[in-house]
Amino acid sequence: MAQRIRTLPDYRTRLDAAVTALSLFIRDLCPEAQLEVSFVRYEDEDAHIWVSLSSTLSDEGREQVVNQIAEKSLDILLAEGFLILAGLEETSPNSSEVDQGSGQARHSL
């Protein structure tokens, strides 16, 4: 029990560093992106980042950004063992999962 108490702060510190690294990576790719981070755990997921990209970004540019974010998330999983999922928020609802407050659809990457 004592060992678990000692490792919990280490887990959170390492998770914070991994989420920060992924967030900064996303900012470098797309500085105008809006990010929303959640540490609510779902099954094996350690954290989740919702990304709102600029509506002026082309479909090809959006796809490239999405692929790079997914690849970086996988790199973090393999290197650190943290499952940090990233989701893309669309301004035009093309999905059944629409945030009623913002009117934006969410898609997981």
PDB file of N, CA and C in Angstrom:
ATOM      1  N   MET A   1       0.817  -1.203   0.000  1.00  0.00           N
ATOM      2  CA  MET A   1       0.000   0.000   0.000  1.00  0.00           C
ATOM      3  C   MET A   1       0.858   1.264   0.000  1.00  0.00           C
ATOM      4  N   ALA A   2       1.918   1.253   0.805  1.00  0.00           N
ATOM      5  CA  ALA A   2       2.787   2.427   0.876  1.00  0.00           C
ATOM      6  C   ALA A   2       3.471   2.686  -0.461  1.00  0.00           C
ATOM      7  N   GLN A   3       3.836   1.609  -1.162  1.00  0.00           N
ATOM      8  CA  GLN A   3       4.483   1.776  -2.462  1.00  0.00           C
ATOM      9  C   GLN A   3       3.518   2.423  -3.459  1.00  0.00           C
ATOM     10  N   ARG A   4       2.239   2.047  -3.430  1.00  0.00           N
ATOM     11  CA  ARG A   4       1.247   2.638  -4.322  1.00  0.00           C
ATOM     12  C   ARG A   4       1.099   4.129  -4.048  1.00  0.00           C
ATOM     13  N   ILE A   5       1.114   4.519  -2.804  1.00  0.00           N
ATOM     14  CA  ILE A   5       0.995   5.935  -2.447  1.00  0.00           C
ATOM     15  C   ILE A   5       2.203   6.714  -2.958  1.00  0.00           C
ATOM     16  N   ARG A   6       3.386   6.113  -2.889  1.00  0.00           N
ATOM     17  CA  ARG A   6       4.586   6.786  -3.373  1.00  0.00           C
ATOM     18  C   ARG A   6       4.617   6.906  -4.890  1.00  0.00           C
ATOM     19  N   THR A   7       4.048   5.961  -5.604  1.00  0.00           N
ATOM     20  CA  THR A   7       4.126   5.988  -7.060  1.00  0.00           C
ATOM     21  C   THR A   7       3.030   6.833  -7.704  1.00  0.00           C
ATOM     22  N   LEU A   8       1.929   7.105  -7.002  1.00  0.00           N
ATOM     23  CA  LEU A   8       0.848   7.897  -7.575  1.00  0.00           C
ATOM     24  C   LEU A   8       1.313   9.299  -7.981  1.00  0.00           C
ATOM     25  N   PRO A   9       2.048  10.034  -7.121  1.00  0.00           N
ATOM     26  CA  PRO A   9       2.545  11.350  -7.578  1.00  0.00           C
ATOM     27  C   PRO A   9       3.491  11.232  -8.775  1.00  0.00           C
ATOM     28  N   ASP A  10       4.295  10.164  -8.794  1.00  0.00           N
ATOM     29  CA  ASP A  10       5.198   9.959  -9.926  1.00  0.00           C
ATOM     30  C   ASP A  10       4.397   9.725 -11.201  1.00  0.00           C
ATOM     31  N   TYR A  11       3.337   8.924 -11.118  1.00  0.00           N
ATOM     32  CA  TYR A  11       2.462   8.676 -12.268  1.00  0.00           C
ATOM     33  C   TYR A  11       1.880   9.991 -12.770  1.00  0.00           C
ATOM     34  N   ARG A  12       1.354  10.799 -11.873  1.00  0.00           N
ATOM     35  CA  ARG A  12       0.712  12.060 -12.281  1.00  0.00           C
ATOM     36  C   ARG A  12       1.738  13.036 -12.859  1.00  0.00           C
ATOM     37  N   THR A  13       2.916  13.083 -12.301  1.00  0.00           N
ATOM     38  CA  THR A  13       3.968  13.958 -12.825  1.00  0.00           C
ATOM     39  C   THR A  13       4.367  13.534 -14.229  1.00  0.00           C
ATOM     40  N   ARG A  14       4.547  12.216 -14.429  1.00  0.00           N
ATOM     41  CA  ARG A  14       4.904  11.701 -15.752  1.00  0.00           C
ATOM     42  C   ARG A  14       3.769  11.917 -16.748  1.00  0.00           C
ATOM     43  N   LEU A  15       2.519  11.715 -16.300  1.00  0.00           N
ATOM     44  CA  LEU A  15       1.366  11.930 -17.181  1.00  0.00           C
ATOM     45  C   LEU A  15       1.266  13.403 -17.571  1.00  0.00           C
ATOM     46  N   ASP A  16       1.427  14.300 -16.603  1.00  0.00           N
ATOM     47  CA  ASP A  16       1.396  15.737 -16.910  1.00  0.00           C
ATOM     48  C   ASP A  16       2.452  16.105 -17.945  1.00  0.00           C
ATOM     49  N   ALA A  17       3.642  15.539 -17.796  1.00  0.00           N
ATOM     50  CA  ALA A  17       4.720  15.829 -18.752  1.00  0.00           C
ATOM     51  C   ALA A  17       4.365  15.309 -20.145  1.00  0.00           C
ATOM     52  N   ALA A  18       3.763  14.124 -20.225  1.00  0.00           N
ATOM     53  CA  ALA A  18       3.391  13.555 -21.523  1.00  0.00           C
ATOM     54  C   ALA A  18       2.269  14.359 -22.179  1.00  0.00           C
ATOM     55  N   VAL A  19       1.279  14.771 -21.404  1.00  0.00           N
ATOM     56  CA  VAL A  19       0.178  15.583 -21.943  1.00  0.00           C
ATOM     57  C   VAL A  19       0.704  16.939 -22.399  1.00  0.00           C
ATOM     58  N   THR A  20       1.589  17.520 -21.617  1.00  0.00           N
ATOM     59  CA  THR A  20       2.189  18.803 -21.997  1.00  0.00           C
ATOM     60  C   THR A  20       2.980  18.659 -23.295  1.00  0.00           C
ATOM     61  N   ALA A  21       3.738  17.579 -23.420  1.00  0.00           N
ATOM     62  CA  ALA A  21       4.519  17.359 -24.642  1.00  0.00           C
ATOM     63  C   ALA A  21       3.610  17.225 -25.852  1.00  0.00           C
ATOM     64  N   LEU A  22       2.515  16.469 -25.723  1.00  0.00           N
ATOM     65  CA  LEU A  22       1.590  16.318 -26.850  1.00  0.00           C
ATOM     66  C   LEU A  22       0.892  17.636 -27.155  1.00  0.00           C
ATOM     67  N   SER A  23       0.520  18.381 -26.129  1.00  0.00           N
ATOM     68  CA  SER A  23      -0.126  19.683 -26.334  1.00  0.00           C
ATOM     69  C   SER A  23       0.801  20.654 -27.057  1.00  0.00           C
ATOM     70  N   LEU A  24       2.060  20.695 -26.653  1.00  0.00           N
ATOM     71  CA  LEU A  24       3.023  21.577 -27.312  1.00  0.00           C
ATOM     72  C   LEU A  24       3.280  21.139 -28.749  1.00  0.00           C
ATOM     73  N   PHE A  25       3.294  19.839 -28.979  1.00  0.00           N
ATOM     74  CA  PHE A  25       3.445  19.317 -30.337  1.00  0.00           C
ATOM     75  C   PHE A  25       2.282  19.791 -31.215  1.00  0.00           C
ATOM     76  N   ILE A  26       1.065  19.714 -30.680  1.00  0.00           N
ATOM     77  CA  ILE A  26      -0.113  20.168 -31.426  1.00  0.00           C
ATOM     78  C   ILE A  26      -0.026  21.660 -31.691  1.00  0.00           C
ATOM     79  N   ARG A  27       0.402  22.438 -30.701  1.00  0.00           N
ATOM     80  CA  ARG A  27       0.555  23.894 -30.876  1.00  0.00           C
ATOM     81  C   ARG A  27       1.591  24.222 -31.943  1.00  0.00           C
ATOM     82  N   ASP A  28       2.676  23.445 -31.991  1.00  0.00           N
ATOM     83  CA  ASP A  28       3.693  23.665 -33.020  1.00  0.00           C
ATOM     84  C   ASP A  28       3.130  23.381 -34.414  1.00  0.00           C
ATOM     85  N   LEU A  29       2.306  22.340 -34.527  1.00  0.00           N
ATOM     86  CA  LEU A  29       1.704  22.000 -35.815  1.00  0.00           C
ATOM     87  C   LEU A  29       0.689  23.036 -36.262  1.00  0.00           C
ATOM     88  N   CYS A  30      -0.112  23.499 -35.316  1.00  0.00           N
ATOM     89  CA  CYS A  30      -1.235  24.376 -35.641  1.00  0.00           C
ATOM     90  C   CYS A  30      -1.418  25.378 -34.496  1.00  0.00           C
ATOM     91  N   PRO A  31      -0.674  26.499 -34.523  1.00  0.00           N
ATOM     92  CA  PRO A  31      -0.694  27.448 -33.417  1.00  0.00           C
ATOM     93  C   PRO A  31      -2.080  28.021 -33.085  1.00  0.00           C
ATOM     94  N   GLU A  32      -2.972  28.078 -34.061  1.00  0.00           N
ATOM     95  CA  GLU A  32      -4.294  28.648 -33.804  1.00  0.00           C
ATOM     96  C   GLU A  32      -5.287  27.634 -33.239  1.00  0.00           C
ATOM     97  N   ALA A  33      -4.862  26.399 -33.062  1.00  0.00           N
ATOM     98  CA  ALA A  33      -5.750  25.355 -32.534  1.00  0.00           C
ATOM     99  C   ALA A  33      -6.135  25.656 -31.091  1.00  0.00           C
ATOM    100  N   GLN A  34      -7.368  25.329 -30.751  1.00  0.00           N
ATOM    101  CA  GLN A  34      -7.860  25.425 -29.377  1.00  0.00           C
ATOM    102  C   GLN A  34      -7.793  24.024 -28.784  1.00  0.00           C
ATOM    103  N   LEU A  35      -7.269  23.902 -27.561  1.00  0.00           N
ATOM    104  CA  LEU A  35      -7.121  22.602 -26.925  1.00  0.00           C
ATOM    105  C   LEU A  35      -7.931  22.540 -25.640  1.00  0.00           C
ATOM    106  N   GLU A  36      -8.518  21.391 -25.395  1.00  0.00           N
ATOM    107  CA  GLU A  36      -9.221  21.118 -24.144  1.00  0.00           C
ATOM    108  C   GLU A  36      -8.708  19.775 -23.638  1.00  0.00           C
ATOM    109  N   VAL A  37      -8.108  19.762 -22.444  1.00  0.00           N
ATOM    110  CA  VAL A  37      -7.502  18.563 -21.884  1.00  0.00           C
ATOM    111  C   VAL A  37      -8.397  18.011 -20.780  1.00  0.00           C
ATOM    112  N   SER A  38      -8.571  16.696 -20.809  1.00  0.00           N
ATOM    113  CA  SER A  38      -9.344  16.019 -19.772  1.00  0.00           C
ATOM    114  C   SER A  38      -8.515  14.878 -19.201  1.00  0.00           C
ATOM    115  N   PHE A  39      -8.461  14.810 -17.874  1.00  0.00           N
ATOM    116  CA  PHE A  39      -7.763  13.718 -17.212  1.00  0.00           C
ATOM    117  C   PHE A  39      -8.745  12.673 -16.679  1.00  0.00           C
ATOM    118  N   VAL A  40      -9.995  12.756 -17.097  1.00  0.00           N
ATOM    119  CA  VAL A  40     -10.984  11.761 -16.715  1.00  0.00           C
ATOM    120  C   VAL A  40     -10.615  10.456 -17.405  1.00  0.00           C
ATOM    121  N   ARG A  41     -10.526   9.388 -16.623  1.00  0.00           N
ATOM    122  CA  ARG A  41     -10.098   8.103 -17.178  1.00  0.00           C
ATOM    123  C   ARG A  41     -11.293   7.305 -17.666  1.00  0.00           C
ATOM    124  N   TYR A  42     -11.168   6.774 -18.869  1.00  0.00           N
ATOM    125  CA  TYR A  42     -12.133   5.856 -19.453  1.00  0.00           C
ATOM    126  C   TYR A  42     -11.381   4.585 -19.808  1.00  0.00           C
ATOM    127  N   GLU A  43     -11.724   3.479 -19.152  1.00  0.00           N
ATOM    128  CA  GLU A  43     -11.070   2.196 -19.380  1.00  0.00           C
ATOM    129  C   GLU A  43      -9.558   2.358 -19.282  1.00  0.00           C
ATOM    130  N   ASP A  44      -8.803   2.154 -20.361  1.00  0.00           N
ATOM    131  CA  ASP A  44      -7.336   2.234 -20.316  1.00  0.00           C
ATOM    132  C   ASP A  44      -6.794   3.618 -20.650  1.00  0.00           C
ATOM    133  N   GLU A  45      -7.656   4.540 -20.980  1.00  0.00           N
ATOM    134  CA  GLU A  45      -7.241   5.886 -21.381  1.00  0.00           C
ATOM    135  C   GLU A  45      -6.744   6.672 -20.168  1.00  0.00           C
ATOM    136  N   ASP A  46      -5.579   7.318 -20.315  1.00  0.00           N
ATOM    137  CA  ASP A  46      -5.013   8.116 -19.223  1.00  0.00           C
ATOM    138  C   ASP A  46      -5.439   9.577 -19.301  1.00  0.00           C
ATOM    139  N   ALA A  47      -5.614  10.087 -20.506  1.00  0.00           N
ATOM    140  CA  ALA A  47      -6.026  11.488 -20.702  1.00  0.00           C
ATOM    141  C   ALA A  47      -6.582  11.625 -22.106  1.00  0.00           C
ATOM    142  N   HIS A  48      -7.224  12.763 -22.339  1.00  0.00           N
ATOM    143  CA  HIS A  48      -7.808  13.026 -23.655  1.00  0.00           C
ATOM    144  C   HIS A  48      -7.625  14.510 -23.969  1.00  0.00           C
ATOM    145  N   ILE A  49      -7.286  14.797 -25.211  1.00  0.00           N
ATOM    146  CA  ILE A  49      -7.144  16.181 -25.662  1.00  0.00           C
ATOM    147  C   ILE A  49      -8.102  16.396 -26.819  1.00  0.00           C
ATOM    148  N   TRP A  50      -9.030  17.337 -26.651  1.00  0.00           N
ATOM    149  CA  TRP A  50      -9.933  17.737 -27.744  1.00  0.00           C
ATOM    150  C   TRP A  50      -9.275  18.893 -28.467  1.00  0.00           C
ATOM    151  N   VAL A  51      -9.208  18.807 -29.780  1.00  0.00           N
ATOM    152  CA  VAL A  51      -8.536  19.802 -30.602  1.00  0.00           C
ATOM    153  C   VAL A  51      -9.551  20.448 -31.537  1.00  0.00           C
ATOM    154  N   SER A  52      -9.626  21.769 -31.508  1.00  0.00           N
ATOM    155  CA  SER A  52     -10.450  22.530 -32.450  1.00  0.00           C
ATOM    156  C   SER A  52      -9.497  23.225 -33.417  1.00  0.00           C
ATOM    157  N   LEU A  53      -9.517  22.790 -34.667  1.00  0.00           N
ATOM    158  CA  LEU A  53      -8.654  23.381 -35.683  1.00  0.00           C
ATOM    159  C   LEU A  53      -9.360  24.556 -36.350  1.00  0.00           C
ATOM    160  N   SER A  54      -8.587  25.430 -36.932  1.00  0.00           N
ATOM    161  CA  SER A  54      -9.116  26.582 -37.645  1.00  0.00           C
ATOM    162  C   SER A  54      -9.988  26.130 -38.807  1.00  0.00           C
ATOM    163  N   SER A  55     -11.103  26.805 -39.001  1.00  0.00           N
ATOM    164  CA  SER A  55     -11.996  26.459 -40.117  1.00  0.00           C
ATOM    165  C   SER A  55     -11.374  26.823 -41.468  1.00  0.00           C
ATOM    166  N   THR A  56     -10.321  27.634 -41.458  1.00  0.00           N
ATOM    167  CA  THR A  56      -9.661  28.018 -42.704  1.00  0.00           C
ATOM    168  C   THR A  56      -8.663  26.959 -43.185  1.00  0.00           C
ATOM    169  N   LEU A  57      -8.391  25.955 -42.346  1.00  0.00           N
ATOM    170  CA  LEU A  57      -7.451  24.897 -42.715  1.00  0.00           C
ATOM    171  C   LEU A  57      -8.096  23.994 -43.766  1.00  0.00           C
ATOM    172  N   SER A  58      -7.371  23.724 -44.839  1.00  0.00           N
ATOM    173  CA  SER A  58      -7.895  22.884 -45.923  1.00  0.00           C
ATOM    174  C   SER A  58      -8.092  21.445 -45.431  1.00  0.00           C
ATOM    175  N   ASP A  59      -8.880  20.685 -46.173  1.00  0.00           N
ATOM    176  CA  ASP A  59      -9.110  19.286 -45.816  1.00  0.00           C
ATOM    177  C   ASP A  59      -7.802  18.498 -45.815  1.00  0.00           C
ATOM    178  N   GLU A  60      -6.931  18.763 -46.781  1.00  0.00           N
ATOM    179  CA  GLU A  60      -5.641  18.082 -46.842  1.00  0.00           C
ATOM    180  C   GLU A  60      -4.763  18.475 -45.653  1.00  0.00           C
ATOM    181  N   GLY A  61      -4.755  19.748 -45.326  1.00  0.00           N
ATOM    182  CA  GLY A  61      -3.990  20.226 -44.179  1.00  0.00           C
ATOM    183  C   GLY A  61      -4.515  19.650 -42.874  1.00  0.00           C
ATOM    184  N   ARG A  62      -5.835  19.589 -42.759  1.00  0.00           N
ATOM    185  CA  ARG A  62      -6.473  19.015 -41.571  1.00  0.00           C
ATOM    186  C   ARG A  62      -6.100  17.535 -41.434  1.00  0.00           C
ATOM    187  N   GLU A  63      -6.152  16.801 -42.556  1.00  0.00           N
ATOM    188  CA  GLU A  63      -5.814  15.379 -42.516  1.00  0.00           C
ATOM    189  C   GLU A  63      -4.358  15.171 -42.124  1.00  0.00           C
ATOM    190  N   GLN A  64      -3.485  16.013 -42.625  1.00  0.00           N
ATOM    191  CA  GLN A  64      -2.066  15.911 -42.290  1.00  0.00           C
ATOM    192  C   GLN A  64      -1.839  16.167 -40.799  1.00  0.00           C
ATOM    193  N   VAL A  65      -2.482  17.200 -40.262  1.00  0.00           N
ATOM    194  CA  VAL A  65      -2.354  17.513 -38.835  1.00  0.00           C
ATOM    195  C   VAL A  65      -2.886  16.355 -37.993  1.00  0.00           C
ATOM    196  N   VAL A  66      -4.053  15.850 -38.356  1.00  0.00           N
ATOM    197  CA  VAL A  66      -4.671  14.742 -37.617  1.00  0.00           C
ATOM    198  C   VAL A  66      -3.759  13.517 -37.608  1.00  0.00           C
ATOM    199  N   ASN A  67      -3.179  13.179 -38.755  1.00  0.00           N
ATOM    200  CA  ASN A  67      -2.287  12.020 -38.835  1.00  0.00           C
ATOM    201  C   ASN A  67      -1.040  12.212 -37.977  1.00  0.00           C
ATOM    202  N   GLN A  68      -0.485  13.414 -37.969  1.00  0.00           N
ATOM    203  CA  GLN A  68       0.703  13.677 -37.167  1.00  0.00           C
ATOM    204  C   GLN A  68       0.396  13.616 -35.669  1.00  0.00           C
ATOM    205  N   ILE A  69      -0.785  14.106 -35.276  1.00  0.00           N
ATOM    206  CA  ILE A  69      -1.177  14.037 -33.864  1.00  0.00           C
ATOM    207  C   ILE A  69      -1.355  12.579 -33.448  1.00  0.00           C
ATOM    208  N   ALA A  70      -2.015  11.787 -34.279  1.00  0.00           N
ATOM    209  CA  ALA A  70      -2.226  10.372 -33.970  1.00  0.00           C
ATOM    210  C   ALA A  70      -0.886   9.633 -33.855  1.00  0.00           C
ATOM    211  N   GLU A  71       0.045   9.951 -34.744  1.00  0.00           N
ATOM    212  CA  GLU A  71       1.361   9.312 -34.705  1.00  0.00           C
ATOM    213  C   GLU A  71       2.115   9.687 -33.429  1.00  0.00           C
ATOM    214  N   LYS A  72       2.049  10.950 -33.038  1.00  0.00           N
ATOM    215  CA  LYS A  72       2.725  11.397 -31.811  1.00  0.00           C
ATOM    216  C   LYS A  72       2.088  10.739 -30.589  1.00  0.00           C
ATOM    217  N   SER A  73       0.769  10.608 -30.589  1.00  0.00           N
ATOM    218  CA  SER A  73       0.081   9.944 -29.488  1.00  0.00           C
ATOM    219  C   SER A  73       0.546   8.490 -29.365  1.00  0.00           C
ATOM    220  N   LEU A  74       0.709   7.815 -30.496  1.00  0.00           N
ATOM    221  CA  LEU A  74       1.208   6.444 -30.499  1.00  0.00           C
ATOM    222  C   LEU A  74       2.649   6.380 -29.998  1.00  0.00           C
ATOM    223  N   ASP A  75       3.473   7.339 -30.404  1.00  0.00           N
ATOM    224  CA  ASP A  75       4.861   7.397 -29.926  1.00  0.00           C
ATOM    225  C   ASP A  75       4.902   7.511 -28.402  1.00  0.00           C
ATOM    226  N   ILE A  76       4.028   8.346 -27.835  1.00  0.00           N
ATOM    227  CA  ILE A  76       3.975   8.515 -26.377  1.00  0.00           C
ATOM    228  C   ILE A  76       3.521   7.220 -25.709  1.00  0.00           C
ATOM    229  N   LEU A  77       2.554   6.543 -26.304  1.00  0.00           N
ATOM    230  CA  LEU A  77       2.088   5.268 -25.754  1.00  0.00           C
ATOM    231  C   LEU A  77       3.231   4.252 -25.714  1.00  0.00           C
ATOM    232  N   LEU A  78       3.974   4.137 -26.806  1.00  0.00           N
ATOM    233  CA  LEU A  78       5.055   3.164 -26.870  1.00  0.00           C
ATOM    234  C   LEU A  78       6.233   3.532 -25.961  1.00  0.00           C
ATOM    235  N   ALA A  79       6.548   4.820 -25.863  1.00  0.00           N
ATOM    236  CA  ALA A  79       7.706   5.259 -25.079  1.00  0.00           C
ATOM    237  C   ALA A  79       7.399   5.384 -23.591  1.00  0.00           C
ATOM    238  N   GLU A  80       6.219   5.910 -23.258  1.00  0.00           N
ATOM    239  CA  GLU A  80       5.897   6.222 -21.860  1.00  0.00           C
ATOM    240  C   GLU A  80       4.833   5.321 -21.254  1.00  0.00           C
ATOM    241  N   GLY A  81       4.069   4.649 -22.105  1.00  0.00           N
ATOM    242  CA  GLY A  81       3.008   3.783 -21.602  1.00  0.00           C
ATOM    243  C   GLY A  81       1.707   4.504 -21.286  1.00  0.00           C
ATOM    244  N   PHE A  82       1.568   5.746 -21.737  1.00  0.00           N
ATOM    245  CA  PHE A  82       0.350   6.522 -21.497  1.00  0.00           C
ATOM    246  C   PHE A  82      -0.520   6.536 -22.744  1.00  0.00           C
ATOM    247  N   LEU A  83      -1.789   6.205 -22.567  1.00  0.00           N
ATOM    248  CA  LEU A  83      -2.742   6.282 -23.665  1.00  0.00           C
ATOM    249  C   LEU A  83      -3.428   7.642 -23.590  1.00  0.00           C
ATOM    250  N   ILE A  84      -2.951   8.557 -24.410  1.00  0.00           N
ATOM    251  CA  ILE A  84      -3.514   9.905 -24.486  1.00  0.00           C
ATOM    252  C   ILE A  84      -4.182  10.025 -25.843  1.00  0.00           C
ATOM    253  N   LEU A  85      -5.497  10.014 -25.834  1.00  0.00           N
ATOM    254  CA  LEU A  85      -6.240  10.106 -27.083  1.00  0.00           C
ATOM    255  C   LEU A  85      -6.473  11.558 -27.442  1.00  0.00           C
ATOM    256  N   ALA A  86      -6.513  11.820 -28.715  1.00  0.00           N
ATOM    257  CA  ALA A  86      -6.815  13.168 -29.199  1.00  0.00           C
ATOM    258  C   ALA A  86      -8.083  13.084 -30.028  1.00  0.00           C
ATOM    259  N   GLY A  87      -8.951  14.051 -29.843  1.00  0.00           N
ATOM    260  CA  GLY A  87     -10.192  14.113 -30.601  1.00  0.00           C
ATOM    261  C   GLY A  87     -10.270  15.424 -31.346  1.00  0.00           C
ATOM    262  N   LEU A  88     -10.847  15.386 -32.508  1.00  0.00           N
ATOM    263  CA  LEU A  88     -10.974  16.572 -33.349  1.00  0.00           C
ATOM    264  C   LEU A  88     -12.398  17.100 -33.276  1.00  0.00           C
ATOM    265  N   GLU A  89     -12.542  18.369 -32.986  1.00  0.00           N
ATOM    266  CA  GLU A  89     -13.853  19.007 -32.987  1.00  0.00           C
ATOM    267  C   GLU A  89     -14.074  19.675 -34.331  1.00  0.00           C
ATOM    268  N   GLU A  90     -15.187  19.370 -34.926  1.00  0.00           N
ATOM    269  CA  GLU A  90     -15.576  19.964 -36.202  1.00  0.00           C
ATOM    270  C   GLU A  90     -16.572  21.090 -35.929  1.00  0.00           C
ATOM    271  N   THR A  91     -16.503  22.160 -36.713  1.00  0.00           N
ATOM    272  CA  THR A  91     -17.459  23.254 -36.541  1.00  0.00           C
ATOM    273  C   THR A  91     -18.773  22.970 -37.242  1.00  0.00           C
ATOM    274  N   SER A  92     -18.771  22.070 -38.232  1.00  0.00           N
ATOM    275  CA  SER A  92     -20.015  21.685 -38.885  1.00  0.00           C
ATOM    276  C   SER A  92     -20.367  20.270 -38.459  1.00  0.00           C
ATOM    277  N   PRO A  93     -21.506  20.076 -37.809  1.00  0.00           N
ATOM    278  CA  PRO A  93     -21.827  18.757 -37.274  1.00  0.00           C
ATOM    279  C   PRO A  93     -22.112  17.724 -38.365  1.00  0.00           C
ATOM    280  N   ASN A  94     -21.146  16.829 -38.588  1.00  0.00           N
ATOM    281  CA  ASN A  94     -21.309  15.718 -39.520  1.00  0.00           C
ATOM    282  C   ASN A  94     -21.352  14.407 -38.758  1.00  0.00           C
ATOM    283  N   SER A  95     -21.473  14.480 -37.455  1.00  0.00           N
ATOM    284  CA  SER A  95     -21.409  13.296 -36.625  1.00  0.00           C
ATOM    285  C   SER A  95     -22.578  13.278 -35.672  1.00  0.00           C
ATOM    286  N   SER A  96     -22.857  12.091 -35.124  1.00  0.00           N
ATOM    287  CA  SER A  96     -23.950  11.982 -34.168  1.00  0.00           C
ATOM    288  C   SER A  96     -23.546  12.483 -32.794  1.00  0.00           C
ATOM    289  N   GLU A  97     -22.252  12.622 -32.521  1.00  0.00           N
ATOM    290  CA  GLU A  97     -21.796  13.085 -31.223  1.00  0.00           C
ATOM    291  C   GLU A  97     -21.542  14.591 -31.290  1.00  0.00           C
ATOM    292  N   VAL A  98     -22.566  15.374 -30.950  1.00  0.00           N
ATOM    293  CA  VAL A  98     -22.479  16.824 -31.032  1.00  0.00           C
ATOM    294  C   VAL A  98     -22.585  17.407 -29.629  1.00  0.00           C
ATOM    295  N   ASP A  99     -21.655  18.279 -29.287  1.00  0.00           N
ATOM    296  CA  ASP A  99     -21.692  18.986 -28.018  1.00  0.00           C
ATOM    297  C   ASP A  99     -22.802  20.025 -28.098  1.00  0.00           C
ATOM    298  N   GLN A 100     -23.827  19.864 -27.286  1.00  0.00           N
ATOM    299  CA  GLN A 100     -24.984  20.748 -27.348  1.00  0.00           C
ATOM    300  C   GLN A 100     -24.637  22.184 -26.960  1.00  0.00           C
ATOM    301  N   GLY A 101     -23.631  22.372 -26.108  1.00  0.00           N
ATOM    302  CA  GLY A 101     -23.251  23.716 -25.697  1.00  0.00           C
ATOM    303  C   GLY A 101     -22.574  24.512 -26.792  1.00  0.00           C
ATOM    304  N   SER A 102     -21.676  23.845 -27.552  1.00  0.00           N
ATOM    305  CA  SER A 102     -20.916  24.569 -28.566  1.00  0.00           C
ATOM    306  C   SER A 102     -21.425  24.313 -29.977  1.00  0.00           C
ATOM    307  N   GLY A 103     -22.248  23.284 -30.160  1.00  0.00           N
ATOM    308  CA  GLY A 103     -22.718  22.932 -31.495  1.00  0.00           C
ATOM    309  C   GLY A 103     -21.646  22.293 -32.346  1.00  0.00           C
ATOM    310  N   GLN A 104     -20.570  21.769 -31.709  1.00  0.00           N
ATOM    311  CA  GLN A 104     -19.474  21.176 -32.451  1.00  0.00           C
ATOM    312  C   GLN A 104     -19.533  19.654 -32.349  1.00  0.00           C
ATOM    313  N   ALA A 105     -19.203  19.005 -33.437  1.00  0.00           N
ATOM    314  CA  ALA A 105     -19.130  17.540 -33.451  1.00  0.00           C
ATOM    315  C   ALA A 105     -17.727  17.133 -33.030  1.00  0.00           C
ATOM    316  N   ARG A 106     -17.626  16.009 -32.321  1.00  0.00           N
ATOM    317  CA  ARG A 106     -16.325  15.510 -31.870  1.00  0.00           C
ATOM    318  C   ARG A 106     -16.045  14.195 -32.542  1.00  0.00           C
ATOM    319  N   HIS A 107     -14.796  14.061 -33.029  1.00  0.00           N
ATOM    320  CA  HIS A 107     -14.337  12.827 -33.656  1.00  0.00           C
ATOM    321  C   HIS A 107     -13.027  12.422 -32.987  1.00  0.00           C
ATOM    322  N   SER A 108     -12.921  11.185 -32.523  1.00  0.00           N
ATOM    323  CA  SER A 108     -11.660  10.713 -31.973  1.00  0.00           C
ATOM    324  C   SER A 108     -10.723  10.342 -33.102  1.00  0.00           C
ATOM    325  N   LEU A 109      -9.440  10.604 -32.884  1.00  0.00           N
ATOM    326  CA  LEU A 109      -8.417  10.292 -33.890  1.00  0.00           C
ATOM    327  C   LEU A 109      -7.941   8.885 -33.698  1.00  0.00           C
TER     328      LEU A 109
END
